[in-house]
């Protein structure tokens, strides 16, 4: 299986506008690899599956903390809190600069 970093290098991508993850619990395992890639990621939509794990709420908190560490801000959540949308704070800053 290829990592996210391998895929973006193979395809020559430097920027990824949106990543949507609905991978039935594996999101907790792959998130850090994705965030450590060299790509500039503008948005991440994450479907969480904490109900699959004994300590699922803790895993979700760790994932949110990791996203914050990498500069992502939570901007939307679904009514059932299973879908979380994050935006890269650098993307927001660039949008603000372009409006002036």
C-alpha atoms as a PDB file:
ATOM      1  CA  UNK A   1       0.000   0.000   0.000  1.00  0.00           C
ATOM      2  CA  UNK A   2       1.278   3.484  -0.874  1.00  0.00           C
ATOM      3  CA  UNK A   3       1.385   6.301   1.619  1.00  0.00           C
ATOM      4  CA  UNK A   4      -0.201   9.672   0.950  1.00  0.00           C
ATOM      5  CA  UNK A   5       3.292  11.165   0.576  1.00  0.00           C
ATOM      6  CA  UNK A   6       4.190   8.564  -2.047  1.00  0.00           C
ATOM      7  CA  UNK A   7       1.006   9.265  -4.003  1.00  0.00           C
ATOM      8  CA  UNK A   8       1.445  13.042  -4.119  1.00  0.00           C
ATOM      9  CA  UNK A   9       5.112  12.671  -5.104  1.00  0.00           C
ATOM     10  CA  UNK A  10       4.199  10.266  -7.898  1.00  0.00           C
ATOM     11  CA  UNK A  11       1.508  12.631  -9.173  1.00  0.00           C
ATOM     12  CA  UNK A  12       3.643  15.742  -8.682  1.00  0.00           C
ATOM     13  CA  UNK A  13       1.116  17.541  -6.490  1.00  0.00           C
ATOM     14  CA  UNK A  14       2.270  20.360  -4.244  1.00  0.00           C
ATOM     15  CA  UNK A  15      -1.223  21.481  -3.194  1.00  0.00           C
ATOM     16  CA  UNK A  16      -4.300  19.456  -2.326  1.00  0.00           C
ATOM     17  CA  UNK A  17      -7.488  21.488  -2.095  1.00  0.00           C
ATOM     18  CA  UNK A  18      -9.639  18.968  -0.243  1.00  0.00           C
ATOM     19  CA  UNK A  19      -9.167  15.605   1.416  1.00  0.00           C
ATOM     20  CA  UNK A  20     -12.350  13.737   2.371  1.00  0.00           C
ATOM     21  CA  UNK A  21     -11.747  10.767   4.629  1.00  0.00           C
ATOM     22  CA  UNK A  22     -14.405   8.145   5.258  1.00  0.00           C
ATOM     23  CA  UNK A  23     -12.260   5.115   5.943  1.00  0.00           C
ATOM     24  CA  UNK A  24     -14.194   3.300   8.651  1.00  0.00           C
ATOM     25  CA  UNK A  25     -11.921   3.855  11.629  1.00  0.00           C
ATOM     26  CA  UNK A  26      -8.564   3.942   9.824  1.00  0.00           C
ATOM     27  CA  UNK A  27      -8.626   7.746   9.872  1.00  0.00           C
ATOM     28  CA  UNK A  28      -6.904   7.667  13.237  1.00  0.00           C
ATOM     29  CA  UNK A  29      -4.036   5.609  11.809  1.00  0.00           C
ATOM     30  CA  UNK A  30      -3.355   7.588   8.616  1.00  0.00           C
ATOM     31  CA  UNK A  31      -3.996  11.173   9.673  1.00  0.00           C
ATOM     32  CA  UNK A  32      -0.491  11.927  10.923  1.00  0.00           C
ATOM     33  CA  UNK A  33       1.112  10.534   7.741  1.00  0.00           C
ATOM     34  CA  UNK A  34      -1.108  12.804   5.661  1.00  0.00           C
ATOM     35  CA  UNK A  35      -0.348  15.867   7.784  1.00  0.00           C
ATOM     36  CA  UNK A  36       3.402  15.208   7.642  1.00  0.00           C
ATOM     37  CA  UNK A  37       3.427  15.173   3.837  1.00  0.00           C
ATOM     38  CA  UNK A  38       5.049  17.968   1.856  1.00  0.00           C
ATOM     39  CA  UNK A  39       1.739  18.942   0.243  1.00  0.00           C
ATOM     40  CA  UNK A  40      -0.093  22.091   1.208  1.00  0.00           C
ATOM     41  CA  UNK A  41      -3.539  20.826   2.213  1.00  0.00           C
ATOM     42  CA  UNK A  42      -6.282  23.449   2.242  1.00  0.00           C
ATOM     43  CA  UNK A  43      -9.183  21.503   3.773  1.00  0.00           C
ATOM     44  CA  UNK A  44      -9.808  18.154   5.429  1.00  0.00           C
ATOM     45  CA  UNK A  45     -13.252  16.654   5.917  1.00  0.00           C
ATOM     46  CA  UNK A  46     -13.018  13.798   8.362  1.00  0.00           C
ATOM     47  CA  UNK A  47     -15.728  11.264   9.065  1.00  0.00           C
ATOM     48  CA  UNK A  48     -14.899   9.861  12.467  1.00  0.00           C
ATOM     49  CA  UNK A  49     -15.800   6.387  13.639  1.00  0.00           C
ATOM     50  CA  UNK A  50     -15.138   6.544  17.348  1.00  0.00           C
ATOM     51  CA  UNK A  51     -17.995   4.121  17.995  1.00  0.00           C
ATOM     52  CA  UNK A  52     -15.747   1.348  16.611  1.00  0.00           C
ATOM     53  CA  UNK A  53     -13.254   1.738  19.468  1.00  0.00           C
ATOM     54  CA  UNK A  54     -13.378   1.307  23.209  1.00  0.00           C
ATOM     55  CA  UNK A  55     -11.638   4.663  23.703  1.00  0.00           C
ATOM     56  CA  UNK A  56     -13.027   6.298  20.588  1.00  0.00           C
ATOM     57  CA  UNK A  57     -13.686   9.697  22.139  1.00  0.00           C
ATOM     58  CA  UNK A  58     -10.057   9.918  23.255  1.00  0.00           C
ATOM     59  CA  UNK A  59      -8.887   8.928  19.765  1.00  0.00           C
ATOM     60  CA  UNK A  60     -11.031  11.683  18.273  1.00  0.00           C
ATOM     61  CA  UNK A  61      -9.691  14.255  20.730  1.00  0.00           C
ATOM     62  CA  UNK A  62      -6.132  13.220  19.823  1.00  0.00           C
ATOM     63  CA  UNK A  63      -6.953  13.545  16.104  1.00  0.00           C
ATOM     64  CA  UNK A  64      -8.412  17.043  16.611  1.00  0.00           C
ATOM     65  CA  UNK A  65      -5.384  18.072  18.686  1.00  0.00           C
ATOM     66  CA  UNK A  66      -3.091  16.768  15.930  1.00  0.00           C
ATOM     67  CA  UNK A  67      -4.972  18.729  13.279  1.00  0.00           C
ATOM     68  CA  UNK A  68      -4.690  21.874  15.411  1.00  0.00           C
ATOM     69  CA  UNK A  69      -0.960  21.260  15.864  1.00  0.00           C
ATOM     70  CA  UNK A  70      -0.620  21.285  12.065  1.00  0.00           C
ATOM     71  CA  UNK A  71      -2.576  24.530  11.766  1.00  0.00           C
ATOM     72  CA  UNK A  72      -6.068  23.281  10.966  1.00  0.00           C
ATOM     73  CA  UNK A  73      -9.138  24.969  12.391  1.00  0.00           C
ATOM     74  CA  UNK A  74     -12.470  23.243  12.927  1.00  0.00           C
ATOM     75  CA  UNK A  75     -15.079  25.205  10.989  1.00  0.00           C
ATOM     76  CA  UNK A  76     -18.059  22.849  10.721  1.00  0.00           C
ATOM     77  CA  UNK A  77     -19.458  19.691  12.268  1.00  0.00           C
ATOM     78  CA  UNK A  78     -22.450  17.581  11.355  1.00  0.00           C
ATOM     79  CA  UNK A  79     -25.452  17.310  13.661  1.00  0.00           C
ATOM     80  CA  UNK A  80     -24.328  13.867  14.820  1.00  0.00           C
ATOM     81  CA  UNK A  81     -20.710  15.055  15.282  1.00  0.00           C
ATOM     82  CA  UNK A  82     -19.420  12.287  13.003  1.00  0.00           C
ATOM     83  CA  UNK A  83     -18.299  14.587  10.196  1.00  0.00           C
ATOM     84  CA  UNK A  84     -15.809  17.296  11.021  1.00  0.00           C
ATOM     85  CA  UNK A  85     -14.542  19.902   8.563  1.00  0.00           C
ATOM     86  CA  UNK A  86     -11.188  21.612   9.006  1.00  0.00           C
ATOM     87  CA  UNK A  87      -9.511  24.422   7.099  1.00  0.00           C
ATOM     88  CA  UNK A  88      -5.809  25.202   7.053  1.00  0.00           C
ATOM     89  CA  UNK A  89      -5.305  28.522   8.835  1.00  0.00           C
ATOM     90  CA  UNK A  90      -2.784  29.547   6.141  1.00  0.00           C
ATOM     91  CA  UNK A  91      -5.510  29.120   3.529  1.00  0.00           C
ATOM     92  CA  UNK A  92      -7.753  31.475   5.503  1.00  0.00           C
ATOM     93  CA  UNK A  93      -4.943  34.045   5.775  1.00  0.00           C
ATOM     94  CA  UNK A  94      -4.297  33.870   2.024  1.00  0.00           C
ATOM     95  CA  UNK A  95      -8.002  34.357   1.281  1.00  0.00           C
ATOM     96  CA  UNK A  96      -8.059  37.424   3.529  1.00  0.00           C
ATOM     97  CA  UNK A  97      -5.000  38.896   1.762  1.00  0.00           C
ATOM     98  CA  UNK A  98      -6.551  38.354  -1.668  1.00  0.00           C
ATOM     99  CA  UNK A  99      -9.701  40.261  -0.683  1.00  0.00           C
ATOM    100  CA  UNK A 100      -7.795  43.492  -0.094  1.00  0.00           C
END
